[in-house]
């Protein structure tokens, strides 16, 4: 397993094609008369993770894998994001899912599809019900 988002596991052989992590910082610029502007540090922005996935019919059913992701995104569910080495990255939501069909059968069945998933760090409260459903709390 390369990484895991909630209950969705990303395997190296079937899915993974790249992971990009972005940490950015927030500054505000104050203009001054007769002088250069001054920057004021406000803090860190929310962390972003981008995962490139390849779904190929030889290893999985692409439509089912895409549906897993869209179901979670549609539910606006915050999920734990873990790397395969056990490193806990944090709680994230799916902000965007992009899909590029690379190969399809004559009947339109997906054979190979590249999926780009953009995650954004979630710092809000998680309801008790969602915590229990997604393994945030021990029962």
C-alpha atoms as a PDB file:
ATOM      1  CA  UNK A   1       0.000   0.000   0.000  1.00  0.00           C
ATOM      2  CA  UNK A   2       1.369   3.396  -0.938  1.00  0.00           C
ATOM      3  CA  UNK A   3      -1.179   5.526   0.888  1.00  0.00           C
ATOM      4  CA  UNK A   4      -4.632   5.414   2.432  1.00  0.00           C
ATOM      5  CA  UNK A   5      -7.420   7.996   2.493  1.00  0.00           C
ATOM      6  CA  UNK A   6     -10.084   6.901   4.955  1.00  0.00           C
ATOM      7  CA  UNK A   7     -11.006   3.360   3.882  1.00  0.00           C
ATOM      8  CA  UNK A   8      -9.607   3.789   0.351  1.00  0.00           C
ATOM      9  CA  UNK A   9      -6.188   2.147  -0.062  1.00  0.00           C
ATOM     10  CA  UNK A  10      -3.909   3.096  -2.940  1.00  0.00           C
ATOM     11  CA  UNK A  11      -1.717   0.202  -4.069  1.00  0.00           C
ATOM     12  CA  UNK A  12       1.528   0.776  -5.971  1.00  0.00           C
ATOM     13  CA  UNK A  13       0.898  -1.829  -8.638  1.00  0.00           C
ATOM     14  CA  UNK A  14      -2.642  -0.852  -9.502  1.00  0.00           C
ATOM     15  CA  UNK A  15      -2.956   2.846  -8.820  1.00  0.00           C
ATOM     16  CA  UNK A  16      -0.145   5.119  -7.796  1.00  0.00           C
ATOM     17  CA  UNK A  17       1.616   7.379 -10.281  1.00  0.00           C
ATOM     18  CA  UNK A  18       2.745  10.318  -8.132  1.00  0.00           C
ATOM     19  CA  UNK A  19       2.220  12.336  -4.970  1.00  0.00           C
ATOM     20  CA  UNK A  20       2.766  16.075  -4.690  1.00  0.00           C
ATOM     21  CA  UNK A  21       2.706  17.803  -1.303  1.00  0.00           C
ATOM     22  CA  UNK A  22       2.352  21.573  -1.035  1.00  0.00           C
ATOM     23  CA  UNK A  23       2.820  23.693   2.056  1.00  0.00           C
ATOM     24  CA  UNK A  24       2.391  27.424   1.517  1.00  0.00           C
ATOM     25  CA  UNK A  25       2.535  30.494   3.713  1.00  0.00           C
ATOM     26  CA  UNK A  26       0.291  33.534   3.899  1.00  0.00           C
ATOM     27  CA  UNK A  27       1.577  37.109   3.878  1.00  0.00           C
ATOM     28  CA  UNK A  28      -0.263  40.404   3.614  1.00  0.00           C
ATOM     29  CA  UNK A  29       1.370  43.389   1.932  1.00  0.00           C
ATOM     30  CA  UNK A  30       1.080  46.831   3.518  1.00  0.00           C
ATOM     31  CA  UNK A  31       1.767  49.745   1.196  1.00  0.00           C
ATOM     32  CA  UNK A  32       3.721  52.680   2.608  1.00  0.00           C
ATOM     33  CA  UNK A  33       3.943  56.217   1.276  1.00  0.00           C
ATOM     34  CA  UNK A  34       7.410  56.942  -0.109  1.00  0.00           C
ATOM     35  CA  UNK A  35       8.784  53.494   0.846  1.00  0.00           C
ATOM     36  CA  UNK A  36       8.619  49.942  -0.383  1.00  0.00           C
ATOM     37  CA  UNK A  37       5.718  47.856   0.912  1.00  0.00           C
ATOM     38  CA  UNK A  38       6.159  45.731   4.030  1.00  0.00           C
ATOM     39  CA  UNK A  39       5.127  42.087   4.274  1.00  0.00           C
ATOM     40  CA  UNK A  40       3.458  40.747   7.392  1.00  0.00           C
ATOM     41  CA  UNK A  41       3.417  37.006   8.036  1.00  0.00           C
ATOM     42  CA  UNK A  42      -0.079  35.714   8.835  1.00  0.00           C
ATOM     43  CA  UNK A  43       0.640  31.998   9.136  1.00  0.00           C
ATOM     44  CA  UNK A  44       0.556  28.766   7.205  1.00  0.00           C
ATOM     45  CA  UNK A  45      -2.082  28.043   4.596  1.00  0.00           C
ATOM     46  CA  UNK A  46      -3.896  24.717   4.524  1.00  0.00           C
ATOM     47  CA  UNK A  47      -1.732  21.855   3.295  1.00  0.00           C
ATOM     48  CA  UNK A  48      -2.535  20.383  -0.111  1.00  0.00           C
ATOM     49  CA  UNK A  49      -1.829  16.917  -1.476  1.00  0.00           C
ATOM     50  CA  UNK A  50      -2.191  15.884  -5.117  1.00  0.00           C
ATOM     51  CA  UNK A  51      -2.265  12.208  -6.017  1.00  0.00           C
ATOM     52  CA  UNK A  52      -1.947  10.884  -9.569  1.00  0.00           C
ATOM     53  CA  UNK A  53      -3.585   7.496  -9.999  1.00  0.00           C
ATOM     54  CA  UNK A  54      -3.804   5.077 -12.915  1.00  0.00           C
ATOM     55  CA  UNK A  55      -6.695   2.658 -12.996  1.00  0.00           C
ATOM     56  CA  UNK A  56      -6.317  -0.156 -15.531  1.00  0.00           C
ATOM     57  CA  UNK A  57      -8.834  -2.906 -16.167  1.00  0.00           C
ATOM     58  CA  UNK A  58      -6.083  -5.557 -15.815  1.00  0.00           C
ATOM     59  CA  UNK A  59      -5.802  -4.673 -12.117  1.00  0.00           C
ATOM     60  CA  UNK A  60      -9.181  -3.201 -11.100  1.00  0.00           C
ATOM     61  CA  UNK A  61     -12.522  -1.956 -12.392  1.00  0.00           C
ATOM     62  CA  UNK A  62     -11.812   1.731 -13.124  1.00  0.00           C
ATOM     63  CA  UNK A  63     -15.455   2.828 -12.819  1.00  0.00           C
ATOM     64  CA  UNK A  64     -15.723   1.306  -9.331  1.00  0.00           C
ATOM     65  CA  UNK A  65     -12.503   2.953  -8.131  1.00  0.00           C
ATOM     66  CA  UNK A  66     -13.599   6.349  -9.458  1.00  0.00           C
ATOM     67  CA  UNK A  67     -17.008   5.913  -7.793  1.00  0.00           C
ATOM     68  CA  UNK A  68     -15.329   5.289  -4.407  1.00  0.00           C
ATOM     69  CA  UNK A  69     -13.578   8.641  -4.711  1.00  0.00           C
ATOM     70  CA  UNK A  70     -16.592  10.590  -5.985  1.00  0.00           C
ATOM     71  CA  UNK A  71     -18.846   9.135  -3.267  1.00  0.00           C
ATOM     72  CA  UNK A  72     -16.456  10.397  -0.583  1.00  0.00           C
ATOM     73  CA  UNK A  73     -16.101  13.785  -2.302  1.00  0.00           C
ATOM     74  CA  UNK A  74     -19.885  14.147  -2.739  1.00  0.00           C
ATOM     75  CA  UNK A  75     -20.402  13.420   0.961  1.00  0.00           C
ATOM     76  CA  UNK A  76     -17.850  16.136   1.868  1.00  0.00           C
ATOM     77  CA  UNK A  77     -16.361  13.663   4.312  1.00  0.00           C
ATOM     78  CA  UNK A  78     -13.120  14.575   6.122  1.00  0.00           C
ATOM     79  CA  UNK A  79     -10.789  11.557   6.071  1.00  0.00           C
ATOM     80  CA  UNK A  80      -7.492  10.557   7.635  1.00  0.00           C
ATOM     81  CA  UNK A  81      -4.635  10.504   5.132  1.00  0.00           C
ATOM     82  CA  UNK A  82      -1.815   8.062   5.827  1.00  0.00           C
ATOM     83  CA  UNK A  83       1.311   7.187   3.887  1.00  0.00           C
ATOM     84  CA  UNK A  84       2.253   3.555   3.390  1.00  0.00           C
ATOM     85  CA  UNK A  85       5.098   3.833   5.901  1.00  0.00           C
ATOM     86  CA  UNK A  86       2.502   4.612   8.584  1.00  0.00           C
ATOM     87  CA  UNK A  87       3.114   8.375   8.633  1.00  0.00           C
ATOM     88  CA  UNK A  88      -0.077  10.205   9.588  1.00  0.00           C
ATOM     89  CA  UNK A  89      -0.336  13.239   7.302  1.00  0.00           C
ATOM     90  CA  UNK A  90      -3.577  14.673   8.709  1.00  0.00           C
ATOM     91  CA  UNK A  91      -7.278  15.010   7.988  1.00  0.00           C
ATOM     92  CA  UNK A  92      -8.196  15.975   4.430  1.00  0.00           C
ATOM     93  CA  UNK A  93     -11.184  16.416   2.142  1.00  0.00           C
ATOM     94  CA  UNK A  94     -11.267  15.735  -1.580  1.00  0.00           C
ATOM     95  CA  UNK A  95     -11.333  19.135  -3.242  1.00  0.00           C
ATOM     96  CA  UNK A  96     -11.121  18.052  -6.881  1.00  0.00           C
ATOM     97  CA  UNK A  97     -11.132  14.907  -9.020  1.00  0.00           C
ATOM     98  CA  UNK A  98      -9.878  15.077 -12.612  1.00  0.00           C
ATOM     99  CA  UNK A  99     -10.186  12.175 -15.025  1.00  0.00           C
ATOM    100  CA  UNK A 100      -8.440  11.478 -18.347  1.00  0.00           C
ATOM    101  CA  UNK A 101      -9.472   8.416 -20.338  1.00  0.00           C
ATOM    102  CA  UNK A 102      -6.351   6.914 -21.875  1.00  0.00           C
ATOM    103  CA  UNK A 103      -7.894   3.798 -23.382  1.00  0.00           C
ATOM    104  CA  UNK A 104     -11.456   2.527 -23.857  1.00  0.00           C
ATOM    105  CA  UNK A 105     -13.016  -0.571 -25.388  1.00  0.00           C
ATOM    106  CA  UNK A 106     -15.167  -0.194 -28.532  1.00  0.00           C
ATOM    107  CA  UNK A 107     -18.299  -0.292 -26.342  1.00  0.00           C
ATOM    108  CA  UNK A 108     -17.009   2.626 -24.241  1.00  0.00           C
ATOM    109  CA  UNK A 109     -15.876   0.543 -21.272  1.00  0.00           C
ATOM    110  CA  UNK A 110     -12.924   2.207 -19.572  1.00  0.00           C
ATOM    111  CA  UNK A 111      -9.717   0.217 -19.974  1.00  0.00           C
ATOM    112  CA  UNK A 112      -7.198   2.726 -18.656  1.00  0.00           C
ATOM    113  CA  UNK A 113      -7.873   6.042 -16.970  1.00  0.00           C
ATOM    114  CA  UNK A 114      -5.659   8.564 -15.197  1.00  0.00           C
ATOM    115  CA  UNK A 115      -7.255  10.211 -12.175  1.00  0.00           C
ATOM    116  CA  UNK A 116      -5.870  13.287 -10.439  1.00  0.00           C
ATOM    117  CA  UNK A 117      -7.142  13.808  -6.899  1.00  0.00           C
ATOM    118  CA  UNK A 118      -6.516  17.058  -5.043  1.00  0.00           C
ATOM    119  CA  UNK A 119      -6.850  16.944  -1.268  1.00  0.00           C
ATOM    120  CA  UNK A 120      -7.035  19.908   1.087  1.00  0.00           C
ATOM    121  CA  UNK A 121      -6.306  19.825   4.794  1.00  0.00           C
ATOM    122  CA  UNK A 122      -9.413  19.933   6.953  1.00  0.00           C
ATOM    123  CA  UNK A 123      -9.175  21.769  10.272  1.00  0.00           C
ATOM    124  CA  UNK A 124     -12.871  22.041  11.131  1.00  0.00           C
ATOM    125  CA  UNK A 125     -14.839  20.029  13.644  1.00  0.00           C
ATOM    126  CA  UNK A 126     -15.878  16.515  12.766  1.00  0.00           C
ATOM    127  CA  UNK A 127     -19.293  15.414  14.018  1.00  0.00           C
ATOM    128  CA  UNK A 128     -19.447  12.558  16.540  1.00  0.00           C
ATOM    129  CA  UNK A 129     -21.331  10.430  14.011  1.00  0.00           C
ATOM    130  CA  UNK A 130     -18.700  10.902  11.297  1.00  0.00           C
ATOM    131  CA  UNK A 131     -15.896  10.266  13.791  1.00  0.00           C
ATOM    132  CA  UNK A 132     -17.361   6.877  14.645  1.00  0.00           C
ATOM    133  CA  UNK A 133     -18.073   6.021  10.999  1.00  0.00           C
ATOM    134  CA  UNK A 134     -14.576   6.861   9.804  1.00  0.00           C
ATOM    135  CA  UNK A 135     -12.499   5.525  12.686  1.00  0.00           C
ATOM    136  CA  UNK A 136     -11.536   8.815  14.352  1.00  0.00           C
ATOM    137  CA  UNK A 137     -12.779   7.628  17.738  1.00  0.00           C
ATOM    138  CA  UNK A 138     -12.303   4.311  19.428  1.00  0.00           C
ATOM    139  CA  UNK A 139     -15.616   2.649  20.214  1.00  0.00           C
END
